[in-house]
Amino acid sequence: MDSKSKYKVGEKVIIDKVFSTDINIQGRMEKLLEPRVALIEEVDFTSLGPCYKVCWVDKSFEPPRIKYWESDIKSKHRIVKD
């Protein structure tokens, strides 16, 4: 098992899809109209690689019900300065 992760606890990341059961009971990942900024709260290492427990920076969104794989995270959040 690889014990390296691309993202660290406390980092902000961009996520552009969420798990939803709106269309079918089994659920699926659905693309968001607007990407969201999330904070990495926990990193778990599994036989399939690291997965991440996140919370949305904007607390008005419902908390995520799943952990995200690295492939589900779009990128690190970068602050753009004018």
Protein backbone atom coordinates (compact mmCIF):
# COMPACT_ATOMS: atom_id res chain seq x y z
CA MET A 1 0.00 0.00 0.00
CA ASP A 2 1.30 3.45 -0.96
CA SER A 3 1.27 5.76 2.04
CA LYS A 4 1.66 8.99 0.05
CA SER A 5 -1.22 11.31 -0.62
CA LYS A 6 -1.51 14.18 -3.07
CA TYR A 7 -3.44 16.33 -0.57
CA LYS A 8 -2.81 16.97 3.12
CA VAL A 9 -5.13 17.62 6.07
CA GLY A 10 -5.95 21.32 6.23
CA GLU A 11 -5.49 22.00 2.50
CA LYS A 12 -8.27 23.50 0.41
CA VAL A 13 -9.23 21.71 -2.79
CA ILE A 14 -11.67 22.14 -5.67
CA ILE A 15 -14.39 19.51 -6.15
CA ASP A 16 -16.67 19.60 -9.19
CA LYS A 17 -18.90 16.59 -8.52
CA VAL A 18 -20.94 15.22 -5.62
CA PHE A 19 -22.54 11.91 -4.73
CA SER A 20 -26.30 12.04 -5.21
CA THR A 21 -29.23 9.64 -4.80
CA ASP A 22 -31.68 12.02 -6.51
CA ILE A 23 -31.84 10.06 -9.78
CA ASN A 24 -31.43 6.49 -8.51
CA ILE A 25 -31.36 4.81 -5.11
CA GLN A 26 -27.84 3.38 -5.58
CA GLY A 27 -26.50 6.88 -6.12
CA ARG A 28 -23.90 8.23 -8.49
CA MET A 29 -21.44 11.06 -8.90
CA GLU A 30 -23.02 14.12 -10.51
CA LYS A 31 -21.23 17.11 -12.02
CA LEU A 32 -21.82 20.41 -10.22
CA LEU A 33 -22.79 23.55 -12.14
CA GLU A 34 -20.20 25.46 -10.08
CA PRO A 35 -17.15 23.79 -8.48
CA ARG A 36 -16.95 23.97 -4.67
CA VAL A 37 -14.06 24.64 -2.36
CA ALA A 38 -13.57 21.95 0.28
CA LEU A 39 -11.21 21.52 3.21
CA ILE A 40 -9.43 18.20 3.68
CA GLU A 41 -10.32 16.96 7.19
CA GLU A 42 -8.90 13.44 7.13
CA VAL A 43 -6.83 11.18 4.87
CA ASP A 44 -7.39 7.41 4.95
CA PHE A 45 -5.09 4.96 3.22
CA THR A 46 -6.78 1.96 1.62
CA SER A 47 -5.58 -0.82 -0.66
CA LEU A 48 -6.96 1.27 -3.55
CA GLY A 49 -5.11 4.41 -2.51
CA PRO A 50 -5.83 7.43 -0.35
CA CYS A 51 -9.35 8.72 0.19
CA TYR A 52 -10.30 12.03 1.73
CA LYS A 53 -12.95 13.17 4.16
CA VAL A 54 -13.81 16.77 3.28
CA CYS A 55 -16.08 19.55 4.47
CA TRP A 56 -17.35 22.38 2.32
CA VAL A 57 -15.88 25.79 3.05
CA ASP A 58 -19.34 27.24 2.36
CA LYS A 59 -21.32 25.76 5.26
CA SER A 60 -24.66 26.45 3.51
CA PHE A 61 -24.15 23.23 1.48
CA GLU A 62 -25.23 19.86 2.86
CA PRO A 63 -22.15 18.04 4.27
CA PRO A 64 -20.65 15.41 1.95
CA ARG A 65 -21.89 11.85 2.62
CA ILE A 66 -18.88 10.10 1.11
CA LYS A 67 -15.11 10.25 1.09
CA TYR A 68 -13.45 11.34 -2.12
CA TRP A 69 -10.75 9.50 -4.06
CA GLU A 70 -7.87 11.55 -5.49
CA SER A 71 -9.42 11.15 -8.94
CA ASP A 72 -12.62 12.84 -7.67
CA ILE A 73 -10.76 15.98 -6.58
CA LYS A 74 -10.16 18.45 -9.39
CA SER A 75 -7.17 20.35 -7.94
CA LYS A 76 -5.74 22.27 -5.03
CA HIS A 77 -7.49 25.57 -4.38
CA ARG A 78 -5.32 28.44 -5.53
CA ILE A 79 -6.03 31.99 -4.43
CA VAL A 80 -5.88 34.33 -7.41
CA LYS A 81 -4.50 37.78 -6.63
CA ASP A 82 -5.22 40.76 -8.87
